[in-house]
C-alpha atoms as a PDB file:
ATOM      1  CA  MET A   1      92.249 129.227 110.670  1.00  0.00           C
ATOM      2  CA  GLU A   2      90.267 125.981 110.886  1.00  0.00           C
ATOM      3  CA  ALA A   3      92.165 122.704 111.057  1.00  0.00           C
ATOM      4  CA  LEU A   4      92.042 120.634 107.878  1.00  0.00           C
ATOM      5  CA  ILE A   5      90.300 117.275 107.668  1.00  0.00           C
ATOM      6  CA  TYR A   6      90.564 114.843 104.773  1.00  0.00           C
ATOM      7  CA  GLY A   7      88.068 112.191 103.784  1.00  0.00           C
ATOM      8  CA  TYR A   8      88.944 108.620 102.880  1.00  0.00           C
ATOM      9  CA  LEU A   9      86.461 106.432 101.055  1.00  0.00           C
ATOM     10  CA  ARG A  10      86.622 102.968  99.545  1.00  0.00           C
ATOM     11  CA  ASP A  11      84.437 103.145  96.460  1.00  0.00           C
ATOM     12  CA  ASP A  12      83.836  99.374  96.534  1.00  0.00           C
ATOM     13  CA  LEU A  13      82.081  99.813  99.903  1.00  0.00           C
ATOM     14  CA  ALA A  14      80.189 102.975  98.919  1.00  0.00           C
ATOM     15  CA  ASP A  15      77.741 100.951  96.814  1.00  0.00           C
ATOM     16  CA  GLY A  16      77.163 103.838  94.411  1.00  0.00           C
ATOM     17  CA  HIS A  17      76.650 106.370  97.217  1.00  0.00           C
ATOM     18  CA  SER A  18      80.069 108.060  97.151  1.00  0.00           C
ATOM     19  CA  ALA A  19      78.608 111.567  96.709  1.00  0.00           C
ATOM     20  CA  GLU A  20      76.188 111.143  99.635  1.00  0.00           C
ATOM     21  CA  LEU A  21      78.945 109.759 101.872  1.00  0.00           C
ATOM     22  CA  GLU A  22      81.257 112.602 100.901  1.00  0.00           C
ATOM     23  CA  ASP A  23      78.497 115.114 101.739  1.00  0.00           C
ATOM     24  CA  ALA A  24      78.035 113.459 105.149  1.00  0.00           C
ATOM     25  CA  MET A  25      81.787 113.606 105.817  1.00  0.00           C
ATOM     26  CA  SER A  26      81.829 117.286 104.858  1.00  0.00           C
ATOM     27  CA  THR A  27      78.853 117.969 107.138  1.00  0.00           C
ATOM     28  CA  LEU A  28      80.583 116.281 110.087  1.00  0.00           C
ATOM     29  CA  ALA A  29      83.681 118.376 109.445  1.00  0.00           C
ATOM     30  CA  ARG A  30      81.669 121.598 109.404  1.00  0.00           C
ATOM     31  CA  GLU A  31      79.790 120.625 112.589  1.00  0.00           C
ATOM     32  CA  GLU A  32      83.105 119.956 114.341  1.00  0.00           C
ATOM     33  CA  GLY A  33      84.603 123.274 113.201  1.00  0.00           C
ATOM     34  CA  LEU A  34      87.033 121.668 110.745  1.00  0.00           C
ATOM     35  CA  CYS A  35      87.776 122.604 107.143  1.00  0.00           C
ATOM     36  CA  PHE A  36      86.976 119.703 104.795  1.00  0.00           C
ATOM     37  CA  ALA A  37      89.830 119.714 102.292  1.00  0.00           C
ATOM     38  CA  ALA A  38      89.341 116.724  99.967  1.00  0.00           C
ATOM     39  CA  THR A  39      88.394 113.062  99.777  1.00  0.00           C
ATOM     40  CA  PHE A  40      90.806 110.341  98.804  1.00  0.00           C
ATOM     41  CA  HIS A  41      88.972 107.598  96.906  1.00  0.00           C
ATOM     42  CA  GLU A  42      90.328 104.059  97.050  1.00  0.00           C
ATOM     43  CA  SER A  43      88.996 102.675  93.784  1.00  0.00           C
ATOM     44  CA  THR A  44      90.560  99.220  93.829  1.00  0.00           C
ATOM     45  CA  SER A  45      89.855  96.983  96.791  1.00  0.00           C
ATOM     46  CA  GLY A  46      93.084  96.198  98.583  1.00  0.00           C
ATOM     47  CA  ASP A  47      95.217  98.484  96.389  1.00  0.00           C
ATOM     48  CA  GLY A  48      96.041 101.044  99.101  1.00  0.00           C
ATOM     49  CA  ALA A  49      97.354 103.748  96.735  1.00  0.00           C
ATOM     50  CA  ALA A  50      94.865 106.374  97.948  1.00  0.00           C
ATOM     51  CA  PHE A  51      95.723 105.575 101.586  1.00  0.00           C
ATOM     52  CA  VAL A  52      99.402 106.221 100.845  1.00  0.00           C
ATOM     53  CA  GLU A  53      98.501 109.503  99.105  1.00  0.00           C
ATOM     54  CA  LEU A  54      96.311 110.480 102.082  1.00  0.00           C
ATOM     55  CA  THR A  55      99.147 109.852 104.536  1.00  0.00           C
ATOM     56  CA  GLN A  56     101.563 111.883 102.400  1.00  0.00           C
ATOM     57  CA  GLU A  57      99.071 114.765 102.124  1.00  0.00           C
ATOM     58  CA  LEU A  58      98.461 114.797 105.877  1.00  0.00           C
ATOM     59  CA  LYS A  59     102.202 115.195 106.451  1.00  0.00           C
ATOM     60  CA  ARG A  60     102.591 117.795 103.681  1.00  0.00           C
ATOM     61  CA  ALA A  61      99.690 119.914 104.947  1.00  0.00           C
ATOM     62  CA  ASP A  62     100.512 119.345 108.628  1.00  0.00           C
ATOM     63  CA  ALA A  63      96.927 118.115 109.002  1.00  0.00           C
ATOM     64  CA  HIS A  64      95.845 115.740 111.742  1.00  0.00           C
ATOM     65  CA  HIS A  65      92.253 114.746 110.984  1.00  0.00           C
ATOM     66  CA  VAL A  66      90.715 112.076 108.745  1.00  0.00           C
ATOM     67  CA  VAL A  67      87.029 111.240 108.350  1.00  0.00           C
ATOM     68  CA  VAL A  68      85.675 107.940 107.022  1.00  0.00           C
ATOM     69  CA  PRO A  69      82.105 106.698 106.566  1.00  0.00           C
ATOM     70  CA  SER A  70      82.949 103.809 108.906  1.00  0.00           C
ATOM     71  CA  LEU A  71      86.106 102.110 110.097  1.00  0.00           C
ATOM     72  CA  ASP A  72      85.381  99.360 107.546  1.00  0.00           C
ATOM     73  CA  HIS A  73      86.601 101.813 104.919  1.00  0.00           C
ATOM     74  CA  LEU A  74      90.085 101.462 106.404  1.00  0.00           C
ATOM     75  CA  ALA A  75      89.866  97.664 106.547  1.00  0.00           C
ATOM     76  CA  GLY A  76      87.141  95.128 107.157  1.00  0.00           C
ATOM     77  CA  GLN A  77      89.112  93.116 109.692  1.00  0.00           C
ATOM     78  CA  THR A  78      90.236  94.349 113.105  1.00  0.00           C
ATOM     79  CA  ILE A  79      93.987  93.693 112.895  1.00  0.00           C
ATOM     80  CA  PRO A  80      94.595  95.319 109.478  1.00  0.00           C
ATOM     81  CA  ARG A  81      92.338  98.213 110.551  1.00  0.00           C
ATOM     82  CA  ASP A  82      94.341  98.705 113.754  1.00  0.00           C
ATOM     83  CA  ILE A  83      97.563  98.715 111.726  1.00  0.00           C
ATOM     84  CA  LEU A  84      96.248 101.477 109.431  1.00  0.00           C
ATOM     85  CA  LEU A  85      94.946 103.501 112.393  1.00  0.00           C
ATOM     86  CA  ALA A  86      98.370 103.188 114.055  1.00  0.00           C
ATOM     87  CA  LYS A  87     100.085 104.251 110.817  1.00  0.00           C
ATOM     88  CA  LEU A  88      97.941 107.404 110.622  1.00  0.00           C
ATOM     89  CA  ALA A  89      98.632 108.172 114.286  1.00  0.00           C
ATOM     90  CA  ARG A  90     102.366 107.507 114.017  1.00  0.00           C
ATOM     91  CA  GLU A  91     103.085 109.204 110.687  1.00  0.00           C
ATOM     92  CA  ALA A  92     100.647 112.126 110.832  1.00  0.00           C
ATOM     93  CA  ALA A  93      99.407 112.291 114.442  1.00  0.00           C
ATOM     94  CA  ALA A  94      95.973 111.912 112.846  1.00  0.00           C
ATOM     95  CA  GLN A  95      92.679 111.503 114.658  1.00  0.00           C
ATOM     96  CA  VAL A  96      90.128 109.427 112.718  1.00  0.00           C
ATOM     97  CA  TRP A  97      86.467 110.465 112.758  1.00  0.00           C
ATOM     98  CA  THR A  98      83.523 108.397 111.471  1.00  0.00           C
ATOM     99  CA  ILE A  99      80.111 109.470 110.234  1.00  0.00           C
ATOM    100  CA  GLU A 100      78.692 106.188 111.483  1.00  0.00           C
ATOM    101  CA  THR A 101      76.380 106.649 114.440  1.00  0.00           C
END
């Protein structure tokens, strides 16, 4: 069975291209031999509700992979971004992938 990977996307940064970004995340998952399960959409900048749901789902599903369009989708600044990356690693042993080249 393929390992699960979940997408995380901030709609305020997607600039109307959420579907295209989700397709790119799904393509990366397939190319890496992972099963793309779902995307968590953060609809309100700074709200964080979808990030909490993502973390809970990773633990529930015993999944350890997250894909984002870019690390900016976690947070635009380095320190908050590092905190969220550490939270994913600590709480779900999650590896974060990006579609950014």
